[in-house]
Protein backbone atom coordinates (compact mmCIF):
# COMPACT_ATOMS: atom_id res chain seq x y z
CA UNK A 1 0.00 0.00 0.00
CA UNK A 2 1.42 3.36 -1.09
CA UNK A 3 1.87 6.01 1.55
CA UNK A 4 0.28 9.32 0.76
CA UNK A 5 2.56 12.36 0.54
CA UNK A 6 1.24 15.68 1.74
CA UNK A 7 1.55 18.70 -0.58
CA UNK A 8 3.97 20.39 1.82
CA UNK A 9 6.24 17.34 1.82
CA UNK A 10 6.16 17.20 -1.98
CA UNK A 11 7.08 20.85 -2.36
CA UNK A 12 9.83 20.89 0.28
CA UNK A 13 12.44 18.90 -1.67
CA UNK A 14 12.02 21.09 -4.77
CA UNK A 15 12.45 24.26 -2.69
CA UNK A 16 15.57 22.86 -1.06
CA UNK A 17 17.00 21.87 -4.43
CA UNK A 18 16.23 25.33 -5.80
CA UNK A 19 17.99 27.05 -2.91
CA UNK A 20 20.98 24.77 -3.30
CA UNK A 21 21.11 25.55 -7.00
CA UNK A 22 21.26 29.27 -6.20
CA UNK A 23 23.98 28.81 -3.57
CA UNK A 24 26.52 26.78 -5.52
CA UNK A 25 29.91 25.97 -4.07
CA UNK A 26 31.29 25.81 -0.53
CA UNK A 27 28.42 26.25 1.93
CA UNK A 28 30.82 27.65 4.54
CA UNK A 29 31.69 30.51 2.18
CA UNK A 30 27.99 31.27 1.83
CA UNK A 31 27.66 31.33 5.63
CA UNK A 32 30.55 33.80 5.82
CA UNK A 33 29.00 36.03 3.15
CA UNK A 34 25.57 36.07 4.81
CA UNK A 35 27.04 36.77 8.26
CA UNK A 36 29.22 39.67 7.08
CA UNK A 37 26.53 41.23 4.91
CA UNK A 38 23.97 41.02 7.71
CA UNK A 39 26.34 42.77 10.12
CA UNK A 40 27.25 45.34 7.48
CA UNK A 41 23.61 46.09 6.68
CA UNK A 42 22.79 46.81 10.32
CA UNK A 43 25.90 48.86 11.08
CA UNK A 44 25.69 50.91 7.89
CA UNK A 45 22.06 51.76 8.61
CA UNK A 46 23.13 53.07 12.01
CA UNK A 47 26.27 54.88 10.81
CA UNK A 48 24.57 56.55 7.84
CA UNK A 49 21.49 57.69 9.71
CA UNK A 50 23.23 60.99 10.49
CA UNK A 51 23.01 61.83 6.77
CA UNK A 52 19.28 61.04 6.61
CA UNK A 53 17.69 62.94 9.48
CA UNK A 54 15.30 65.09 7.43
CA UNK A 55 12.28 64.19 5.35
CA UNK A 56 9.16 62.12 5.90
CA UNK A 57 10.73 58.89 4.58
CA UNK A 58 14.13 59.22 6.26
CA UNK A 59 16.11 57.23 7.12
CA UNK A 60 13.99 54.45 5.56
CA UNK A 61 14.90 55.55 2.02
CA UNK A 62 18.54 54.67 2.67
CA UNK A 63 17.47 51.33 4.14
CA UNK A 64 15.58 50.51 0.93
CA UNK A 65 18.43 51.69 -1.32
CA UNK A 66 21.02 49.72 0.61
CA UNK A 67 18.78 46.67 0.62
CA UNK A 68 18.42 46.81 -3.16
CA UNK A 69 22.21 47.02 -3.62
CA UNK A 70 22.71 44.13 -1.19
CA UNK A 71 20.17 41.91 -2.96
CA UNK A 72 21.72 42.78 -6.34
CA UNK A 73 25.19 41.82 -5.07
CA UNK A 74 23.92 38.48 -3.73
CA UNK A 75 22.22 37.73 -7.04
CA UNK A 76 25.45 38.54 -8.91
CA UNK A 77 27.37 36.31 -6.52
CA UNK A 78 24.87 33.51 -7.00
CA UNK A 79 25.01 33.77 -10.79
CA UNK A 80 28.82 33.74 -10.94
CA UNK A 81 29.06 30.85 -8.45
CA UNK A 82 27.07 28.68 -10.90
CA UNK A 83 29.26 29.49 -13.92
CA UNK A 84 32.53 28.05 -15.18
CA UNK A 85 35.21 30.37 -13.79
CA UNK A 86 37.56 29.56 -16.68
CA UNK A 87 35.01 30.81 -19.18
CA UNK A 88 34.27 33.92 -17.11
CA UNK A 89 37.94 34.95 -17.09
CA UNK A 90 38.49 34.42 -20.80
CA UNK A 91 38.69 38.10 -21.79
CA UNK A 92 40.21 39.38 -18.58
CA UNK A 93 43.20 41.14 -20.16
CA UNK A 94 40.79 43.36 -22.09
CA UNK A 95 39.03 44.16 -18.82
CA UNK A 96 42.38 45.06 -17.23
CA UNK A 97 43.31 47.42 -20.07
CA UNK A 98 39.82 48.97 -19.94
CA UNK A 99 40.24 49.59 -16.19
CA UNK A 100 43.49 51.46 -16.87
CA UNK A 101 41.67 53.73 -19.32
CA UNK A 102 38.86 54.33 -16.82
CA UNK A 103 41.30 55.15 -14.02
CA UNK A 104 43.02 57.66 -16.30
CA UNK A 105 39.67 59.12 -17.35
CA UNK A 106 38.60 59.59 -13.71
CA UNK A 107 41.93 61.18 -12.82
CA UNK A 108 41.85 63.69 -15.69
CA UNK A 109 38.17 64.50 -16.20
CA UNK A 110 36.22 63.68 -13.05
CA UNK A 111 35.92 66.14 -10.12
CA UNK A 112 37.89 65.53 -6.95
CA UNK A 113 36.05 63.96 -4.00
CA UNK A 114 37.81 63.81 -0.68
CA UNK A 115 41.00 65.13 -2.27
CA UNK A 116 41.19 62.59 -5.10
CA UNK A 117 39.58 61.85 -8.48
CA UNK A 118 38.84 58.14 -8.07
CA UNK A 119 35.19 57.94 -9.12
CA UNK A 120 33.30 58.11 -12.39
CA UNK A 121 29.78 59.43 -11.95
CA UNK A 122 27.17 57.64 -14.06
CA UNK A 123 23.90 59.34 -13.14
CA UNK A 124 23.17 58.59 -9.46
CA UNK A 125 25.86 55.88 -9.38
CA UNK A 126 29.54 56.47 -8.59
CA UNK A 127 31.87 53.86 -10.07
CA UNK A 128 35.43 53.33 -8.78
CA UNK A 129 37.54 51.76 -11.58
CA UNK A 130 40.37 50.86 -9.18
CA UNK A 131 38.16 48.05 -7.79
CA UNK A 132 37.80 46.75 -11.33
CA UNK A 133 41.57 46.97 -11.91
CA UNK A 134 42.37 45.12 -8.68
CA UNK A 135 40.11 42.20 -9.57
CA UNK A 136 41.31 42.09 -13.19
CA UNK A 137 44.99 42.10 -12.20
CA UNK A 138 44.53 39.21 -9.75
CA UNK A 139 42.85 37.20 -12.50
CA UNK A 140 45.53 38.08 -15.08
CA UNK A 141 48.41 37.10 -12.81
CA UNK A 142 46.65 33.87 -11.79
CA UNK A 143 46.16 32.91 -15.44
CA UNK A 144 49.78 33.75 -16.27
CA UNK A 145 51.21 31.74 -13.37
CA UNK A 146 48.84 28.82 -13.98
CA UNK A 147 50.38 28.24 -17.40
CA UNK A 148 53.83 27.87 -15.80
CA UNK A 149 53.03 25.33 -13.09
CA UNK A 150 53.86 22.28 -15.22
CA UNK A 151 57.41 23.57 -15.55
CA UNK A 152 58.59 26.38 -13.25
CA UNK A 153 61.66 26.69 -15.51
CA UNK A 154 59.26 28.15 -18.10
CA UNK A 155 59.51 31.54 -16.37
CA UNK A 156 61.47 33.67 -18.82
CA UNK A 157 62.57 37.28 -19.15
CA UNK A 158 59.44 37.87 -21.21
CA UNK A 159 57.30 36.56 -18.33
CA UNK A 160 59.10 38.86 -15.90
CA UNK A 161 58.53 41.79 -18.25
CA UNK A 162 54.82 40.91 -18.45
CA UNK A 163 54.54 40.82 -14.64
CA UNK A 164 56.33 44.16 -14.30
CA UNK A 165 54.17 45.74 -16.99
CA UNK A 166 50.84 44.57 -15.55
CA UNK A 167 51.63 45.15 -11.86
CA UNK A 168 53.62 48.34 -12.43
CA UNK A 169 51.03 49.99 -14.68
CA UNK A 170 48.13 49.09 -12.39
CA UNK A 171 49.87 50.21 -9.20
CA UNK A 172 51.20 53.44 -10.70
CA UNK A 173 47.85 54.56 -12.13
CA UNK A 174 46.01 53.81 -8.88
CA UNK A 175 48.82 55.32 -6.80
CA UNK A 176 48.14 58.75 -8.28
CA UNK A 177 44.80 58.98 -6.51
CA UNK A 178 44.67 56.06 -4.04
CA UNK A 179 48.02 55.11 -2.54
CA UNK A 180 46.77 52.52 -0.02
CA UNK A 181 44.94 50.52 -2.70
CA UNK A 182 48.11 50.34 -4.78
CA UNK A 183 49.97 48.95 -1.76
CA UNK A 184 47.24 46.35 -1.25
CA UNK A 185 47.48 45.34 -4.93
CA UNK A 186 51.27 45.14 -4.71
CA UNK A 187 51.05 42.92 -1.62
CA UNK A 188 48.50 40.63 -3.27
CA UNK A 189 50.72 40.37 -6.35
CA UNK A 190 53.64 39.34 -4.12
CA UNK A 191 51.56 36.57 -2.51
CA UNK A 192 50.41 35.35 -5.92
CA UNK A 193 54.02 35.19 -7.10
CA UNK A 194 54.85 33.02 -4.06
CA UNK A 195 51.93 30.66 -4.74
CA UNK A 196 52.77 30.70 -8.45
CA UNK A 197 56.33 29.52 -7.73
CA UNK A 198 57.88 32.50 -9.48
CA UNK A 199 61.71 32.38 -9.08
CA UNK A 200 62.91 34.41 -6.11
CA UNK A 201 65.16 36.54 -8.27
CA UNK A 202 62.19 37.65 -10.34
CA UNK A 203 60.11 38.29 -7.22
CA UNK A 204 62.73 40.57 -5.72
CA UNK A 205 63.09 42.46 -9.00
CA UNK A 206 59.35 43.12 -9.08
CA UNK A 207 59.25 44.07 -5.38
CA UNK A 208 62.24 46.40 -5.75
CA UNK A 209 60.70 48.15 -8.73
CA UNK A 210 57.36 48.58 -6.96
CA UNK A 211 58.94 49.90 -3.75
CA UNK A 212 61.11 52.30 -5.73
CA UNK A 213 58.08 53.46 -7.70
CA UNK A 214 56.09 54.11 -4.52
CA UNK A 215 58.91 55.99 -2.83
CA UNK A 216 59.49 58.07 -5.95
CA UNK A 217 55.81 59.05 -6.22
CA UNK A 218 55.67 60.13 -2.57
CA UNK A 219 59.03 61.91 -2.38
CA UNK A 220 58.58 63.73 -5.70
CA UNK A 221 55.00 64.68 -4.88
CA UNK A 222 53.51 63.05 -7.97
CA UNK A 223 49.73 62.69 -8.10
CA UNK A 224 46.91 63.88 -5.87
CA UNK A 225 47.72 61.95 -2.70
CA UNK A 226 51.48 62.34 -2.29
CA UNK A 227 51.25 65.20 0.23
CA UNK A 228 48.51 63.39 2.15
CA UNK A 229 50.65 60.23 2.33
CA UNK A 230 53.62 62.23 3.57
CA UNK A 231 51.47 63.93 6.21
CA UNK A 232 49.94 60.69 7.44
CA UNK A 233 53.29 58.93 7.69
CA UNK A 234 54.72 61.86 9.69
CA UNK A 235 51.69 61.89 11.98
CA UNK A 236 51.97 58.15 12.53
CA UNK A 237 55.66 58.41 13.41
CA UNK A 238 54.98 61.28 15.84
CA UNK A 239 52.11 59.38 17.38
CA UNK A 240 54.00 56.12 17.89
CA UNK A 241 57.56 57.31 18.52
CA UNK A 242 56.85 60.67 20.12
CA UNK A 243 59.13 63.70 20.03
CA UNK A 244 62.08 64.84 22.09
CA UNK A 245 59.93 66.89 24.47
CA UNK A 246 57.54 64.06 25.19
CA UNK A 247 54.33 62.71 23.83
CA UNK A 248 52.23 65.08 25.92
CA UNK A 249 53.18 68.05 23.76
CA UNK A 250 51.27 68.18 20.50
CA UNK A 251 50.52 71.08 18.20
CA UNK A 252 47.08 72.08 16.99
CA UNK A 253 48.06 70.74 13.57
CA UNK A 254 48.82 67.32 15.01
CA UNK A 255 45.45 67.32 16.75
CA UNK A 256 43.76 68.17 13.46
CA UNK A 257 45.55 65.42 11.53
CA UNK A 258 44.73 62.83 14.18
CA UNK A 259 41.19 64.01 14.92
CA UNK A 260 39.42 61.12 13.17
CA UNK A 261 41.70 58.57 14.78
CA UNK A 262 41.11 60.06 18.23
CA UNK A 263 37.35 59.87 17.75
CA UNK A 264 37.67 56.27 16.54
CA UNK A 265 39.66 55.25 19.59
CA UNK A 266 37.19 57.03 21.88
CA UNK A 267 34.32 55.14 20.24
CA UNK A 268 36.14 51.84 20.78
CA UNK A 269 36.92 52.69 24.41
CA UNK A 270 33.32 53.73 25.03
CA UNK A 271 31.66 50.58 23.74
CA UNK A 272 34.27 47.85 24.14
CA UNK A 273 33.10 46.62 27.57
CA UNK A 274 29.72 48.37 27.71
CA UNK A 275 28.30 48.37 24.17
CA UNK A 276 25.68 51.01 23.50
CA UNK A 277 23.52 48.72 21.40
CA UNK A 278 22.39 48.66 17.76
CA UNK A 279 21.72 52.11 16.31
CA UNK A 280 22.93 53.99 19.40
CA UNK A 281 26.41 55.06 18.33
CA UNK A 282 27.30 58.57 19.48
CA UNK A 283 30.63 58.97 17.71
CA UNK A 284 29.04 58.45 14.28
CA UNK A 285 28.22 62.17 14.46
CA UNK A 286 31.90 63.03 14.99
CA UNK A 287 33.51 60.49 12.65
CA UNK A 288 33.25 61.70 9.05
CA UNK A 289 33.83 58.13 7.77
CA UNK A 290 31.89 56.22 10.42
CA UNK A 291 30.22 54.12 7.71
CA UNK A 292 33.37 53.20 5.75
CA UNK A 293 36.98 53.88 6.78
CA UNK A 294 36.21 53.82 10.53
CA UNK A 295 33.24 51.46 10.56
CA UNK A 296 35.12 49.04 12.83
CA UNK A 297 34.95 51.67 15.58
CA UNK A 298 31.19 51.95 15.07
CA UNK A 299 30.87 48.15 15.28
CA UNK A 300 32.68 47.98 18.63
CA UNK A 301 30.89 51.04 20.05
CA UNK A 302 27.50 49.46 19.38
CA UNK A 303 28.21 45.73 19.76
CA UNK A 304 31.24 45.57 22.06
CA UNK A 305 34.58 43.81 22.07
CA UNK A 306 32.93 40.42 21.43
CA UNK A 307 31.87 41.57 17.97
CA UNK A 308 35.24 43.28 17.59
CA UNK A 309 36.93 39.89 18.00
CA UNK A 310 34.29 37.99 16.04
CA UNK A 311 34.86 39.95 12.82
CA UNK A 312 38.60 39.10 12.53
CA UNK A 313 37.71 35.46 13.19
CA UNK A 314 35.17 35.46 10.33
CA UNK A 315 37.68 37.00 7.91
CA UNK A 316 40.35 34.48 8.92
CA UNK A 317 37.74 31.78 8.33
CA UNK A 318 37.26 33.23 4.83
CA UNK A 319 41.02 33.16 4.22
CA UNK A 320 41.26 29.54 5.37
CA UNK A 321 38.43 28.44 3.07
CA UNK A 322 39.84 30.41 0.14
CA UNK A 323 43.33 28.96 0.47
CA UNK A 324 42.01 25.46 1.14
CA UNK A 325 40.59 25.42 -2.38
CA UNK A 326 44.18 24.87 -3.59
CA UNK A 327 44.04 21.33 -2.15
CA UNK A 328 41.22 20.15 -4.37
CA UNK A 329 41.08 22.57 -7.30
CA UNK A 330 41.16 20.65 -10.58
CA UNK A 331 43.18 23.37 -12.31
CA UNK A 332 46.16 25.50 -11.20
CA UNK A 333 44.18 28.59 -12.19
CA UNK A 334 41.48 27.78 -9.65
CA UNK A 335 43.83 27.46 -6.70
CA UNK A 336 45.83 30.58 -7.55
CA UNK A 337 42.74 32.68 -8.22
CA UNK A 338 40.95 31.61 -5.05
CA UNK A 339 44.01 32.26 -2.87
CA UNK A 340 44.66 35.66 -4.45
CA UNK A 341 41.07 36.88 -4.15
CA UNK A 342 40.66 35.63 -0.57
CA UNK A 343 43.98 37.17 0.49
CA UNK A 344 43.06 40.53 -1.05
CA UNK A 345 39.67 40.70 0.70
CA UNK A 346 40.98 39.60 4.10
CA UNK A 347 44.03 41.89 4.12
CA UNK A 348 41.81 44.80 3.11
CA UNK A 349 39.55 44.04 6.08
CA UNK A 350 42.48 43.91 8.51
CA UNK A 351 43.87 47.19 7.14
CA UNK A 352 40.53 48.80 7.96
CA UNK A 353 40.60 47.37 11.49
CA UNK A 354 44.23 48.35 12.09
CA UNK A 355 43.49 51.93 11.02
CA UNK A 356 40.60 52.20 13.47
CA UNK A 357 42.78 51.22 16.42
CA UNK A 358 45.76 53.33 15.29
CA UNK A 359 48.09 50.42 14.51
CA UNK A 360 48.99 51.76 11.04
CA UNK A 361 48.77 55.14 9.29
CA UNK A 362 45.28 56.26 8.29
CA UNK A 363 44.19 54.93 4.88
CA UNK A 364 40.94 54.83 2.94
CA UNK A 365 40.32 51.08 2.74
CA UNK A 366 36.72 49.92 3.33
CA UNK A 367 35.96 46.67 5.11
CA UNK A 368 34.57 44.21 2.52
CA UNK A 369 30.86 43.47 2.97
CA UNK A 370 30.75 45.67 6.09
CA UNK A 371 31.60 49.20 4.94
CA UNK A 372 29.33 51.32 2.76
CA UNK A 373 30.11 51.54 -0.94
CA UNK A 374 28.11 50.12 -3.84
CA UNK A 375 31.12 49.60 -6.15
CA UNK A 376 33.08 47.83 -3.44
CA UNK A 377 30.14 45.58 -2.61
CA UNK A 378 29.55 44.61 -6.25
CA UNK A 379 33.20 43.75 -6.97
CA UNK A 380 33.43 41.89 -3.66
CA UNK A 381 30.39 39.91 -4.80
CA UNK A 382 32.14 39.08 -8.08
CA UNK A 383 35.26 37.98 -6.19
CA UNK A 384 33.30 35.78 -3.79
CA UNK A 385 31.27 34.36 -6.68
CA UNK A 386 34.49 33.30 -8.42
CA UNK A 387 35.82 31.67 -5.24
CA UNK A 388 32.55 29.75 -4.86
CA UNK A 389 32.64 28.72 -8.51
CA UNK A 390 36.16 27.36 -7.99
CA UNK A 391 35.09 25.57 -4.81
CA UNK A 392 32.69 23.42 -6.88
CA UNK A 393 35.77 21.45 -7.96
CA UNK A 394 35.56 19.72 -4.59
CA UNK A 395 32.12 18.34 -5.45
CA UNK A 396 33.23 17.26 -8.93
CA UNK A 397 36.39 15.51 -7.75
CA UNK A 398 35.43 14.29 -4.29
C-alpha cells in the first residue's frame, strides 16, 4: 500500500533543491558572506542615519536603497558561483586594459572627492575603476602563473617583463589617486608570485621596482595623494615614537591630523566593555567616515569587544576556506585565483581594522561586505562568486 505524501512534503524537496542551486559551491563561504553582509547592513544603517535625518521617509529611504544594492550583489554572486570560472575569465586582459583607461579618465576629467579623483559618476551611481583593476589584475596574474606550473623553468625574461608591466602599470595609475589601494594590490601580487612559484630573483626584482616606484611618487610629490601620504606617515611616526619633548606636547596641527583617529579610539573605548547597542552610536556624528573607513569603531561602540573579535575570526575563516581550495582545485588557475582573491579581501579588512585602532597610518580602505560603498560591494560579490565557482571542484572531484 502506497503512503500518501502531503503537498507540503512534496514541495519541500524542490524548494531545497532550488535554494541549493542558487547557492553553488562551498556552503561555509555562503555562511561567511551572509554573516558579514547582515552585520554590514545593520551597522551601515546606524552609521549613515546621520546623513538622513530630514524628510518624511528618512532614514527608511537609505534602508531601501542599501537593501536593493545588497540583494543585487547576492544575485550577482549567486550567478557567478554557478558558472565556469575559466570561461568567465576568458577576456580578462581586455578588462584590465579597460580599467586602466577608466582610471586615467577619472583622474583627468572627473571632479575631486575627498582630495582625489577616483570615481566616475554615471547618473546617481559612482563607479570606482580601481576596484575593477584590482580584480582584473589578480585574475591576469593567476592565469599567467597557472600556465607555468607544469614547468617552473618556463619563467622567462618575457614573463618577468609581463609581470612588471601589468603590476607596475596598475599600481602606478592607482597610486596617483589612491596610494593605499596600490599597496594592497602590490602585496597581493607578491603573494600570488609566491603561490605561483615564481623564481625568487624575479620576485625581488618586481618588489624592488614597486617599492622604488612608490617611494618616488611620494618623495617627488607626484599625483593627488602624495602630500597626504607624507602627512599621514609623519603623523603616525609622531604618534607612535613621540618627540624629544615628550608625547604630551602636541601642536594644533597634530590634533587636526589625528582628529578622526582620536574619535575612533574614543568610540572603541566607550563601547568595548559596555556596548551602547544597535543604532545607538554617538561617535558616528563626529567620525566623518563612520560608515566606511572607521566602521570598525562603530561596530565595537554598538556591539562591544565580542563583535570586535568575532569579525577578525570570520575574515580568517574566509582566508582559510579560500586557500584550502588549492588542495582540491582541478586546475592551477582555480587554486591561484581563489588564494589571491581571498587574500586581497581579508588583508583589506584587517587594514581597515588596524586603522581604526591606530596600529597603522590612516588609509581609505573599506571593510569588505561591512563598509558602505556600492562599487566595493559589487566587486566583492564578483570575487566571492568566483571563489565559490572554484570551490565546486571539490564536489566534482570528491
